[in-house]
């Protein structure tokens, strides 16, 4: 494998981790009464900007992963032909 493949693979993992952290931060499931005087219940609240950023980062990670797989296959094919 070339250095470029390894760097892209590391970038893929970093993008994936950061994207999943953003998505996890953007979904809030803390108990809330919803403003009513009742016992707290778990409500799911989505913070759009965090989730959108997470989706973009995870999508970029998928594109990088596809690039890594293509480069590895190309390198293996070139090595077997030589």
N, C-alpha and C. Protein backbone atom coordinates (compact mmCIF):
# COMPACT_ATOMS: atom_id res chain seq x y z
N UNK A 1 0.84 -1.19 0.00
CA UNK A 1 0.00 0.00 0.00
C UNK A 1 0.88 1.24 0.00
N UNK A 2 0.40 2.24 -0.65
CA UNK A 2 1.14 3.48 -0.71
C UNK A 2 0.81 4.36 0.48
N UNK A 3 1.62 5.37 0.64
CA UNK A 3 1.41 6.30 1.75
C UNK A 3 0.07 7.02 1.61
N UNK A 4 -0.30 7.31 0.38
CA UNK A 4 -1.56 8.03 0.13
C UNK A 4 -2.77 7.20 0.58
N UNK A 5 -2.72 5.90 0.37
CA UNK A 5 -3.82 5.03 0.80
C UNK A 5 -3.93 5.03 2.32
N UNK A 6 -2.78 4.97 2.99
CA UNK A 6 -2.80 4.95 4.45
C UNK A 6 -3.32 6.26 5.01
N UNK A 7 -2.89 7.38 4.43
CA UNK A 7 -3.37 8.68 4.89
C UNK A 7 -4.87 8.81 4.66
N UNK A 8 -5.34 8.36 3.52
CA UNK A 8 -6.77 8.43 3.23
C UNK A 8 -7.56 7.52 4.17
N UNK A 9 -7.02 6.37 4.51
CA UNK A 9 -7.70 5.47 5.44
C UNK A 9 -7.79 6.09 6.84
N UNK A 10 -6.72 6.73 7.27
CA UNK A 10 -6.75 7.40 8.58
C UNK A 10 -7.75 8.56 8.55
N UNK A 11 -7.78 9.31 7.47
CA UNK A 11 -8.75 10.39 7.32
C UNK A 11 -10.17 9.85 7.35
N UNK A 12 -10.39 8.70 6.73
CA UNK A 12 -11.71 8.08 6.72
C UNK A 12 -12.17 7.77 8.14
N UNK A 13 -11.30 7.17 8.92
CA UNK A 13 -11.66 6.82 10.30
C UNK A 13 -11.93 8.07 11.12
N UNK A 14 -11.09 9.10 10.94
CA UNK A 14 -11.28 10.34 11.69
C UNK A 14 -12.61 11.00 11.33
N UNK A 15 -12.92 11.07 10.04
CA UNK A 15 -14.20 11.66 9.62
C UNK A 15 -15.38 10.87 10.16
N UNK A 16 -15.27 9.56 10.15
CA UNK A 16 -16.36 8.73 10.66
C UNK A 16 -16.58 8.95 12.15
N UNK A 17 -15.51 8.99 12.92
CA UNK A 17 -15.64 9.19 14.36
C UNK A 17 -16.22 10.56 14.67
N UNK A 18 -15.69 11.60 14.05
CA UNK A 18 -16.19 12.95 14.30
C UNK A 18 -17.65 13.07 13.84
N UNK A 19 -17.99 12.48 12.72
CA UNK A 19 -19.37 12.53 12.24
C UNK A 19 -20.33 11.84 13.20
N UNK A 20 -19.95 10.68 13.72
CA UNK A 20 -20.82 9.98 14.67
C UNK A 20 -20.94 10.73 15.98
N UNK A 21 -19.87 11.40 16.41
CA UNK A 21 -19.94 12.22 17.61
C UNK A 21 -20.90 13.39 17.40
N UNK A 22 -20.84 14.01 16.23
CA UNK A 22 -21.76 15.11 15.91
C UNK A 22 -23.21 14.64 15.92
N UNK A 23 -23.47 13.50 15.32
CA UNK A 23 -24.84 12.98 15.30
C UNK A 23 -25.30 12.65 16.72
N UNK A 24 -24.42 12.04 17.51
CA UNK A 24 -24.79 11.71 18.89
C UNK A 24 -25.03 12.97 19.70
N UNK A 25 -24.26 14.01 19.45
CA UNK A 25 -24.46 15.27 20.18
C UNK A 25 -25.75 15.96 19.73
N UNK A 26 -26.12 15.75 18.49
CA UNK A 26 -27.30 16.42 17.95
C UNK A 26 -28.62 15.79 18.34
N UNK A 27 -28.59 14.58 18.90
CA UNK A 27 -29.83 13.93 19.33
C UNK A 27 -29.85 13.95 20.85
N UNK A 28 -30.76 14.73 21.40
CA UNK A 28 -30.85 14.92 22.84
C UNK A 28 -32.02 14.09 23.37
N UNK A 29 -31.74 13.19 24.30
CA UNK A 29 -32.80 12.33 24.85
C UNK A 29 -32.92 12.51 26.36
N UNK A 30 -32.58 13.68 26.86
CA UNK A 30 -32.69 13.91 28.30
C UNK A 30 -34.16 13.97 28.72
N UNK A 31 -34.46 13.47 29.91
CA UNK A 31 -35.85 13.52 30.38
C UNK A 31 -36.34 14.96 30.52
N UNK A 32 -37.56 15.19 30.14
CA UNK A 32 -38.14 16.52 30.20
C UNK A 32 -39.63 16.40 30.50
N UNK A 33 -40.15 17.44 31.11
CA UNK A 33 -41.60 17.48 31.35
C UNK A 33 -42.33 18.14 30.20
N UNK A 34 -41.59 18.71 29.29
CA UNK A 34 -42.20 19.40 28.16
C UNK A 34 -42.92 20.66 28.59
N UNK A 35 -42.54 21.21 29.73
CA UNK A 35 -43.16 22.43 30.23
C UNK A 35 -44.40 22.17 31.07
N UNK A 36 -44.78 20.91 31.22
CA UNK A 36 -45.96 20.58 32.01
C UNK A 36 -45.53 20.15 33.41
N UNK A 37 -46.44 20.20 34.34
CA UNK A 37 -46.14 19.80 35.71
C UNK A 37 -46.46 18.31 35.89
N UNK A 38 -45.75 17.49 35.17
CA UNK A 38 -45.90 16.04 35.27
C UNK A 38 -44.51 15.44 35.45
N UNK A 39 -44.45 14.15 35.66
CA UNK A 39 -43.15 13.51 35.83
C UNK A 39 -42.39 13.52 34.50
N UNK A 40 -41.08 13.70 34.59
CA UNK A 40 -40.28 13.77 33.35
C UNK A 40 -40.34 12.47 32.55
N UNK A 41 -40.43 12.62 31.25
CA UNK A 41 -40.39 11.48 30.34
C UNK A 41 -39.28 11.73 29.33
N UNK A 42 -38.68 10.65 28.81
CA UNK A 42 -37.63 10.87 27.81
C UNK A 42 -38.21 11.38 26.49
N UNK A 43 -37.77 12.53 26.10
CA UNK A 43 -38.18 13.12 24.82
C UNK A 43 -36.96 13.17 23.91
N UNK A 44 -37.17 12.93 22.66
CA UNK A 44 -36.07 13.02 21.70
C UNK A 44 -36.16 14.37 21.01
N UNK A 45 -35.09 15.13 21.16
CA UNK A 45 -35.02 16.44 20.52
C UNK A 45 -33.83 16.42 19.58
N UNK A 46 -34.03 16.83 18.37
CA UNK A 46 -32.97 16.80 17.36
C UNK A 46 -32.48 18.22 17.13
N UNK A 47 -31.17 18.40 17.27
CA UNK A 47 -30.54 19.68 16.99
C UNK A 47 -30.01 19.62 15.56
N UNK A 48 -30.72 20.28 14.67
CA UNK A 48 -30.51 20.12 13.24
C UNK A 48 -29.11 20.37 12.73
N UNK A 49 -28.45 21.41 13.23
CA UNK A 49 -27.11 21.74 12.71
C UNK A 49 -26.11 20.64 13.05
N UNK A 50 -26.18 20.09 14.26
CA UNK A 50 -25.26 19.02 14.64
C UNK A 50 -25.50 17.77 13.81
N UNK A 51 -26.76 17.42 13.63
CA UNK A 51 -27.08 16.22 12.86
C UNK A 51 -26.68 16.41 11.40
N UNK A 52 -26.95 17.58 10.85
CA UNK A 52 -26.58 17.85 9.46
C UNK A 52 -25.06 17.77 9.27
N UNK A 53 -24.32 18.36 10.21
CA UNK A 53 -22.86 18.29 10.13
C UNK A 53 -22.38 16.85 10.24
N UNK A 54 -23.01 16.08 11.11
CA UNK A 54 -22.64 14.67 11.26
C UNK A 54 -22.91 13.88 10.00
N UNK A 55 -24.03 14.13 9.37
CA UNK A 55 -24.37 13.43 8.13
C UNK A 55 -23.37 13.77 7.02
N UNK A 56 -22.99 15.03 6.94
CA UNK A 56 -22.00 15.44 5.93
C UNK A 56 -20.67 14.75 6.18
N UNK A 57 -20.23 14.70 7.44
CA UNK A 57 -18.95 14.08 7.76
C UNK A 57 -18.97 12.57 7.52
N UNK A 58 -20.06 11.92 7.86
CA UNK A 58 -20.16 10.48 7.63
C UNK A 58 -20.20 10.19 6.13
N UNK A 59 -20.88 11.04 5.37
CA UNK A 59 -20.90 10.88 3.91
C UNK A 59 -19.50 11.04 3.33
N UNK A 60 -18.75 12.01 3.83
CA UNK A 60 -17.37 12.20 3.37
C UNK A 60 -16.52 10.98 3.73
N UNK A 61 -16.78 10.39 4.89
CA UNK A 61 -16.04 9.19 5.29
C UNK A 61 -16.34 8.03 4.35
N UNK A 62 -17.59 7.90 3.94
CA UNK A 62 -17.96 6.82 3.02
C UNK A 62 -17.27 7.02 1.66
N UNK A 63 -17.23 8.25 1.19
CA UNK A 63 -16.56 8.54 -0.09
C UNK A 63 -15.07 8.23 0.02
N UNK A 64 -14.45 8.59 1.15
CA UNK A 64 -13.03 8.27 1.35
C UNK A 64 -12.81 6.76 1.41
N UNK A 65 -13.73 6.06 2.05
CA UNK A 65 -13.59 4.60 2.14
C UNK A 65 -13.67 3.96 0.75
N UNK A 66 -14.55 4.46 -0.08
CA UNK A 66 -14.65 3.95 -1.45
C UNK A 66 -13.34 4.21 -2.20
N UNK A 67 -12.75 5.39 -1.99
CA UNK A 67 -11.48 5.72 -2.63
C UNK A 67 -10.37 4.78 -2.15
N UNK A 68 -10.34 4.51 -0.86
CA UNK A 68 -9.31 3.60 -0.32
C UNK A 68 -9.44 2.21 -0.93
N UNK A 69 -10.66 1.70 -0.99
CA UNK A 69 -10.88 0.36 -1.56
C UNK A 69 -10.46 0.33 -3.03
N UNK A 70 -10.80 1.38 -3.77
CA UNK A 70 -10.42 1.42 -5.19
C UNK A 70 -8.90 1.47 -5.36
N UNK A 71 -8.23 2.24 -4.53
CA UNK A 71 -6.77 2.33 -4.64
C UNK A 71 -6.09 1.02 -4.26
N UNK A 72 -6.61 0.35 -3.23
CA UNK A 72 -6.03 -0.94 -2.82
C UNK A 72 -6.22 -1.97 -3.93
N UNK A 73 -7.40 -2.01 -4.51
CA UNK A 73 -7.65 -2.97 -5.60
C UNK A 73 -6.76 -2.67 -6.80
N UNK A 74 -6.58 -1.40 -7.13
CA UNK A 74 -5.71 -1.04 -8.23
C UNK A 74 -4.27 -1.44 -7.96
N UNK A 75 -3.83 -1.22 -6.74
CA UNK A 75 -2.45 -1.59 -6.38
C UNK A 75 -2.25 -3.10 -6.43
N UNK A 76 -3.23 -3.85 -5.97
CA UNK A 76 -3.12 -5.32 -6.00
C UNK A 76 -3.13 -5.82 -7.44
N UNK A 77 -3.96 -5.24 -8.28
CA UNK A 77 -4.02 -5.66 -9.69
C UNK A 77 -2.70 -5.36 -10.39
N UNK A 78 -2.13 -4.19 -10.11
CA UNK A 78 -0.86 -3.82 -10.72
C UNK A 78 0.27 -4.74 -10.24
N UNK A 79 0.21 -5.13 -8.96
CA UNK A 79 1.25 -6.01 -8.41
C UNK A 79 1.16 -7.42 -8.99
N UNK A 80 -0.07 -7.89 -9.22
CA UNK A 80 -0.23 -9.24 -9.75
C UNK A 80 0.10 -9.32 -11.24
N UNK A 81 -0.06 -8.19 -11.97
CA UNK A 81 0.27 -8.16 -13.39
C UNK A 81 1.77 -8.11 -13.62
N UNK A 82 2.51 -7.58 -12.68
CA UNK A 82 3.96 -7.38 -12.87
C UNK A 82 4.75 -8.64 -12.76
